[in-house]
Amino acid sequence: MDAARKVGGSGPVVPKRAALEVSPLSGRCGIRASGEVCEVTRPSWERALTELSRRHEGVSYVELSQVDFVDVAGVTALAVTAMNLPDGRVVVEHPPPQLSRVLGLFWPELDRIEVAPR
């Protein structure tokens, strides 16, 4: 989501650059993300999910407590990754609220993703 912010209090609205940082979790298979998943950052998100699927061994973790927003395409990438795993599941920890809503709307029967609430 490219949010906008005021510069100098009353000046023009300047778009804020979206950012996403993804790193591996230590001690277990998974990734930790911070920032937002949107059109601008989605390629990084998809690369991280591809790498996660390569390292997957039964259960993979996606820690999102520092993620402010995930767009529908970002949730789709997560769902597709989970559906294409040979076995096991993805545990999503502390996602932003819209992630659970989108999963429930489009993939209500997807049991390959377990969501631990914020």
N, C-alpha and C. Protein backbone atom coordinates (compact mmCIF):
# COMPACT_ATOMS: atom_id res chain seq x y z
N MET A 1 0.86 -1.15 0.00
CA MET A 1 0.00 0.00 0.00
C MET A 1 0.90 1.20 0.00
N ASP A 2 0.85 2.01 -1.02
CA ASP A 2 1.63 3.23 -1.07
C ASP A 2 0.87 4.33 -0.32
N ALA A 3 1.16 4.45 0.94
CA ALA A 3 0.51 5.48 1.74
C ALA A 3 1.08 6.84 1.36
N ALA A 4 0.39 7.86 1.74
CA ALA A 4 0.88 9.21 1.48
C ALA A 4 1.11 9.90 2.81
N ARG A 5 2.01 10.86 2.83
CA ARG A 5 2.27 11.61 4.04
C ARG A 5 2.45 13.08 3.69
N LYS A 6 2.09 13.93 4.62
CA LYS A 6 2.28 15.37 4.44
C LYS A 6 3.73 15.70 4.78
N VAL A 7 4.34 16.53 4.00
CA VAL A 7 5.69 16.99 4.26
C VAL A 7 5.60 18.44 4.71
N GLY A 8 6.21 18.74 5.85
CA GLY A 8 6.21 20.11 6.32
C GLY A 8 4.87 20.59 6.84
N GLY A 9 3.96 19.71 7.20
CA GLY A 9 2.71 20.08 7.83
C GLY A 9 1.61 20.50 6.86
N SER A 10 1.85 21.46 5.99
CA SER A 10 0.77 21.93 5.14
C SER A 10 1.12 21.90 3.66
N GLY A 11 2.25 21.31 3.33
CA GLY A 11 2.69 21.26 1.95
C GLY A 11 2.00 20.17 1.17
N PRO A 12 2.57 19.81 0.03
CA PRO A 12 1.97 18.79 -0.83
C PRO A 12 2.05 17.40 -0.20
N VAL A 13 1.18 16.53 -0.67
CA VAL A 13 1.20 15.14 -0.24
C VAL A 13 2.25 14.41 -1.07
N VAL A 14 3.17 13.74 -0.38
CA VAL A 14 4.26 13.03 -1.05
C VAL A 14 4.08 11.54 -0.79
N PRO A 15 4.12 10.70 -1.82
CA PRO A 15 3.95 9.27 -1.60
C PRO A 15 5.07 8.71 -0.73
N LYS A 16 4.71 7.83 0.20
CA LYS A 16 5.68 7.14 1.03
C LYS A 16 6.10 5.86 0.30
N ARG A 17 7.39 5.58 0.27
CA ARG A 17 7.88 4.37 -0.38
C ARG A 17 7.58 3.14 0.46
N ALA A 18 7.02 2.13 -0.15
CA ALA A 18 6.75 0.88 0.53
C ALA A 18 8.06 0.12 0.71
N ALA A 19 8.17 -0.59 1.82
CA ALA A 19 9.37 -1.36 2.08
C ALA A 19 8.99 -2.70 2.69
N LEU A 20 9.79 -3.70 2.40
CA LEU A 20 9.61 -5.03 2.97
C LEU A 20 10.99 -5.62 3.23
N GLU A 21 11.20 -6.08 4.43
CA GLU A 21 12.43 -6.79 4.77
C GLU A 21 12.04 -8.20 5.18
N VAL A 22 12.74 -9.19 4.63
CA VAL A 22 12.48 -10.59 4.95
C VAL A 22 13.80 -11.24 5.31
N SER A 23 13.78 -12.00 6.41
CA SER A 23 14.97 -12.72 6.84
C SER A 23 14.58 -14.10 7.33
N PRO A 24 15.51 -15.05 7.32
CA PRO A 24 15.20 -16.38 7.81
C PRO A 24 15.04 -16.37 9.34
N LEU A 25 14.21 -17.25 9.84
CA LEU A 25 14.08 -17.44 11.28
C LEU A 25 15.25 -18.29 11.75
N SER A 26 15.73 -18.04 12.93
CA SER A 26 16.79 -18.90 13.46
C SER A 26 16.16 -20.00 14.31
N GLY A 27 16.68 -21.18 14.17
CA GLY A 27 16.22 -22.30 14.96
C GLY A 27 15.04 -23.08 14.42
N ARG A 28 14.43 -22.61 13.36
CA ARG A 28 13.31 -23.34 12.74
C ARG A 28 13.15 -22.88 11.31
N CYS A 29 12.52 -23.70 10.50
CA CYS A 29 12.32 -23.37 9.09
C CYS A 29 11.27 -22.27 8.99
N GLY A 30 11.66 -21.14 8.43
CA GLY A 30 10.68 -20.08 8.28
C GLY A 30 11.32 -18.75 7.96
N ILE A 31 10.44 -17.75 7.83
CA ILE A 31 10.88 -16.39 7.52
C ILE A 31 10.20 -15.41 8.47
N ARG A 32 10.84 -14.28 8.66
CA ARG A 32 10.29 -13.15 9.41
C ARG A 32 10.25 -11.97 8.44
N ALA A 33 9.11 -11.31 8.40
CA ALA A 33 8.98 -10.16 7.51
C ALA A 33 8.61 -8.93 8.32
N SER A 34 9.00 -7.78 7.79
CA SER A 34 8.58 -6.50 8.38
C SER A 34 8.35 -5.51 7.25
N GLY A 35 7.36 -4.65 7.44
CA GLY A 35 7.01 -3.67 6.42
C GLY A 35 5.62 -3.94 5.89
N GLU A 36 5.50 -3.96 4.57
CA GLU A 36 4.21 -4.25 3.95
C GLU A 36 4.41 -5.03 2.66
N VAL A 37 3.40 -5.84 2.34
CA VAL A 37 3.40 -6.62 1.11
C VAL A 37 2.37 -5.97 0.19
N CYS A 38 2.86 -5.40 -0.89
CA CYS A 38 1.99 -4.68 -1.83
C CYS A 38 2.60 -4.83 -3.23
N GLU A 39 2.04 -4.13 -4.16
CA GLU A 39 2.52 -4.23 -5.55
C GLU A 39 4.02 -3.95 -5.66
N VAL A 40 4.50 -2.98 -4.93
CA VAL A 40 5.91 -2.59 -5.01
C VAL A 40 6.83 -3.65 -4.40
N THR A 41 6.40 -4.27 -3.30
CA THR A 41 7.27 -5.21 -2.57
C THR A 41 6.98 -6.68 -2.88
N ARG A 42 5.94 -6.94 -3.65
CA ARG A 42 5.54 -8.33 -3.91
C ARG A 42 6.63 -9.20 -4.52
N PRO A 43 7.47 -8.71 -5.44
CA PRO A 43 8.54 -9.58 -5.96
C PRO A 43 9.46 -10.12 -4.85
N SER A 44 9.79 -9.28 -3.88
CA SER A 44 10.62 -9.74 -2.75
C SER A 44 9.88 -10.78 -1.93
N TRP A 45 8.59 -10.56 -1.68
CA TRP A 45 7.75 -11.48 -0.94
C TRP A 45 7.68 -12.83 -1.65
N GLU A 46 7.46 -12.81 -2.95
CA GLU A 46 7.36 -14.05 -3.70
C GLU A 46 8.69 -14.81 -3.73
N ARG A 47 9.81 -14.09 -3.83
CA ARG A 47 11.13 -14.75 -3.77
C ARG A 47 11.33 -15.41 -2.41
N ALA A 48 10.94 -14.72 -1.35
CA ALA A 48 11.08 -15.27 0.00
C ALA A 48 10.22 -16.52 0.17
N LEU A 49 9.00 -16.50 -0.37
CA LEU A 49 8.13 -17.68 -0.28
C LEU A 49 8.67 -18.85 -1.11
N THR A 50 9.25 -18.56 -2.25
CA THR A 50 9.85 -19.61 -3.08
C THR A 50 11.00 -20.26 -2.32
N GLU A 51 11.84 -19.46 -1.70
CA GLU A 51 12.95 -19.99 -0.92
C GLU A 51 12.43 -20.78 0.28
N LEU A 52 11.40 -20.30 0.92
CA LEU A 52 10.79 -21.02 2.04
C LEU A 52 10.31 -22.40 1.59
N SER A 53 9.67 -22.47 0.45
CA SER A 53 9.16 -23.76 -0.03
C SER A 53 10.30 -24.73 -0.37
N ARG A 54 11.44 -24.20 -0.79
CA ARG A 54 12.60 -25.06 -1.07
C ARG A 54 13.16 -25.68 0.21
N ARG A 55 13.09 -24.93 1.32
CA ARG A 55 13.64 -25.40 2.59
C ARG A 55 12.60 -26.11 3.46
N HIS A 56 11.36 -26.16 3.02
CA HIS A 56 10.25 -26.70 3.81
C HIS A 56 10.50 -28.15 4.22
N GLU A 57 10.25 -28.41 5.51
CA GLU A 57 10.37 -29.78 6.04
C GLU A 57 9.22 -30.04 7.01
N GLY A 58 8.05 -30.24 6.52
CA GLY A 58 6.91 -30.55 7.38
C GLY A 58 6.13 -29.33 7.85
N VAL A 59 6.79 -28.44 8.59
CA VAL A 59 6.15 -27.21 9.07
C VAL A 59 7.11 -26.05 8.81
N SER A 60 6.58 -25.01 8.18
CA SER A 60 7.33 -23.79 7.95
C SER A 60 6.59 -22.66 8.65
N TYR A 61 7.35 -21.71 9.17
CA TYR A 61 6.77 -20.59 9.91
C TYR A 61 6.97 -19.28 9.14
N VAL A 62 5.93 -18.44 9.18
CA VAL A 62 5.98 -17.11 8.58
C VAL A 62 5.57 -16.13 9.68
N GLU A 63 6.53 -15.41 10.21
CA GLU A 63 6.31 -14.50 11.34
C GLU A 63 6.08 -13.10 10.80
N LEU A 64 4.88 -12.55 11.06
CA LEU A 64 4.47 -11.28 10.44
C LEU A 64 4.09 -10.20 11.46
N SER A 65 4.58 -10.27 12.68
CA SER A 65 4.19 -9.29 13.69
C SER A 65 4.60 -7.87 13.33
N GLN A 66 5.60 -7.72 12.48
CA GLN A 66 6.06 -6.38 12.07
C GLN A 66 5.57 -5.99 10.68
N VAL A 67 4.59 -6.73 10.16
CA VAL A 67 4.00 -6.42 8.85
C VAL A 67 2.70 -5.65 9.08
N ASP A 68 2.60 -4.49 8.45
CA ASP A 68 1.44 -3.63 8.62
C ASP A 68 0.30 -3.94 7.66
N PHE A 69 0.64 -4.49 6.50
CA PHE A 69 -0.36 -4.68 5.46
C PHE A 69 0.09 -5.77 4.50
N VAL A 70 -0.86 -6.62 4.09
CA VAL A 70 -0.63 -7.61 3.03
C VAL A 70 -1.79 -7.48 2.06
N ASP A 71 -1.50 -7.19 0.79
CA ASP A 71 -2.59 -7.07 -0.19
C ASP A 71 -3.07 -8.46 -0.61
N VAL A 72 -4.16 -8.48 -1.37
CA VAL A 72 -4.78 -9.75 -1.78
C VAL A 72 -3.79 -10.60 -2.58
N ALA A 73 -3.02 -9.99 -3.45
CA ALA A 73 -2.05 -10.75 -4.25
C ALA A 73 -0.96 -11.34 -3.35
N GLY A 74 -0.59 -10.65 -2.28
CA GLY A 74 0.39 -11.19 -1.35
C GLY A 74 -0.16 -12.39 -0.59
N VAL A 75 -1.44 -12.33 -0.19
CA VAL A 75 -2.09 -13.47 0.46
C VAL A 75 -2.20 -14.62 -0.53
N THR A 76 -2.52 -14.31 -1.78
CA THR A 76 -2.60 -15.33 -2.82
C THR A 76 -1.27 -16.06 -2.98
N ALA A 77 -0.17 -15.31 -3.00
CA ALA A 77 1.15 -15.92 -3.12
C ALA A 77 1.41 -16.87 -1.96
N LEU A 78 1.01 -16.48 -0.76
CA LEU A 78 1.17 -17.35 0.42
C LEU A 78 0.31 -18.60 0.29
N ALA A 79 -0.94 -18.44 -0.12
CA ALA A 79 -1.85 -19.59 -0.28
C ALA A 79 -1.34 -20.55 -1.34
N VAL A 80 -0.90 -20.04 -2.46
CA VAL A 80 -0.38 -20.89 -3.54
C VAL A 80 0.87 -21.63 -3.08
N THR A 81 1.73 -20.94 -2.36
CA THR A 81 2.93 -21.60 -1.82
C THR A 81 2.52 -22.77 -0.93
N ALA A 82 1.59 -22.53 -0.02
CA ALA A 82 1.14 -23.59 0.89
C ALA A 82 0.50 -24.76 0.13
N MET A 83 -0.32 -24.45 -0.87
CA MET A 83 -0.99 -25.50 -1.64
C MET A 83 0.00 -26.35 -2.44
N ASN A 84 1.13 -25.76 -2.83
CA ASN A 84 2.11 -26.48 -3.63
C ASN A 84 3.16 -27.23 -2.82
N LEU A 85 3.10 -27.15 -1.50
CA LEU A 85 4.04 -27.90 -0.68
C LEU A 85 3.75 -29.39 -0.81
N PRO A 86 4.77 -30.22 -0.81
CA PRO A 86 4.54 -31.65 -0.94
C PRO A 86 3.82 -32.25 0.26
N ASP A 87 4.00 -31.67 1.43
CA ASP A 87 3.36 -32.15 2.65
C ASP A 87 3.43 -31.07 3.72
N GLY A 88 2.79 -31.31 4.85
CA GLY A 88 2.88 -30.40 5.97
C GLY A 88 2.06 -29.14 5.82
N ARG A 89 2.49 -28.10 6.54
CA ARG A 89 1.71 -26.87 6.57
C ARG A 89 2.61 -25.67 6.82
N VAL A 90 2.00 -24.48 6.67
CA VAL A 90 2.66 -23.21 6.96
C VAL A 90 1.91 -22.61 8.15
N VAL A 91 2.66 -22.24 9.17
CA VAL A 91 2.08 -21.57 10.33
C VAL A 91 2.41 -20.09 10.20
N VAL A 92 1.37 -19.27 10.10
CA VAL A 92 1.54 -17.82 9.99
C VAL A 92 1.31 -17.23 11.37
N GLU A 93 2.35 -16.58 11.89
CA GLU A 93 2.28 -16.04 13.24
C GLU A 93 2.08 -14.53 13.20
N HIS A 94 1.09 -14.06 13.94
CA HIS A 94 0.83 -12.64 14.17
C HIS A 94 0.66 -11.82 12.88
N PRO A 95 -0.21 -12.26 11.97
CA PRO A 95 -0.40 -11.50 10.73
C PRO A 95 -1.29 -10.28 10.94
N PRO A 96 -1.23 -9.34 10.00
CA PRO A 96 -2.21 -8.25 10.04
C PRO A 96 -3.61 -8.82 9.80
N PRO A 97 -4.65 -8.16 10.32
CA PRO A 97 -6.01 -8.72 10.27
C PRO A 97 -6.52 -9.08 8.88
N GLN A 98 -6.15 -8.32 7.86
CA GLN A 98 -6.70 -8.59 6.54
C GLN A 98 -6.24 -9.93 5.98
N LEU A 99 -5.12 -10.47 6.44
CA LEU A 99 -4.64 -11.75 5.92
C LEU A 99 -5.64 -12.86 6.24
N SER A 100 -6.09 -12.95 7.48
CA SER A 100 -7.08 -13.97 7.86
C SER A 100 -8.39 -13.79 7.11
N ARG A 101 -8.81 -12.53 6.95
CA ARG A 101 -10.07 -12.27 6.23
C ARG A 101 -9.98 -12.73 4.78
N VAL A 102 -8.88 -12.43 4.11
CA VAL A 102 -8.72 -12.82 2.70
C VAL A 102 -8.64 -14.34 2.59
N LEU A 103 -7.89 -14.99 3.46
CA LEU A 103 -7.83 -16.45 3.43
C LEU A 103 -9.23 -17.05 3.62
N GLY A 104 -9.99 -16.51 4.56
CA GLY A 104 -11.34 -17.02 4.82
C GLY A 104 -12.30 -16.80 3.65
N LEU A 105 -12.12 -15.70 2.94
CA LEU A 105 -12.99 -15.41 1.79
C LEU A 105 -12.68 -16.30 0.59
N PHE A 106 -11.40 -16.44 0.26
CA PHE A 106 -11.03 -17.12 -0.98
C PHE A 106 -10.60 -18.57 -0.80
N TRP A 107 -10.10 -18.93 0.38
CA TRP A 107 -9.62 -20.30 0.62
C TRP A 107 -10.12 -20.81 1.97
N PRO A 108 -11.44 -20.85 2.18
CA PRO A 108 -11.95 -21.24 3.50
C PRO A 108 -11.61 -22.68 3.89
N GLU A 109 -11.37 -23.53 2.94
CA GLU A 109 -11.07 -24.94 3.23
C GLU A 109 -9.57 -25.26 3.22
N LEU A 110 -8.73 -24.25 3.06
CA LEU A 110 -7.29 -24.48 2.96
C LEU A 110 -6.73 -24.82 4.34
N ASP A 111 -6.41 -26.09 4.51
CA ASP A 111 -5.90 -26.54 5.82
C ASP A 111 -4.37 -26.59 5.86
N ARG A 112 -3.74 -26.17 4.80
CA ARG A 112 -2.27 -26.13 4.76
C ARG A 112 -1.71 -24.88 5.44
N ILE A 113 -2.59 -23.92 5.80
CA ILE A 113 -2.15 -22.71 6.49
C ILE A 113 -2.87 -22.65 7.83
N GLU A 114 -2.06 -22.50 8.88
CA GLU A 114 -2.59 -22.28 10.23
C GLU A 114 -2.23 -20.86 10.62
N VAL A 115 -3.22 -20.10 11.06
CA VAL A 115 -2.98 -18.70 11.40
C VAL A 115 -3.05 -18.53 12.93
N ALA A 116 -1.94 -18.06 13.50
CA ALA A 116 -1.90 -17.71 14.93
C ALA A 116 -2.16 -16.22 15.01
N PRO A 117 -3.25 -15.79 15.68
CA PRO A 117 -3.64 -14.39 15.66
C PRO A 117 -2.63 -13.45 16.31
N ARG A 118 -2.81 -12.17 16.01
CA ARG A 118 -1.95 -11.10 16.55
C ARG A 118 -2.13 -10.95 18.02
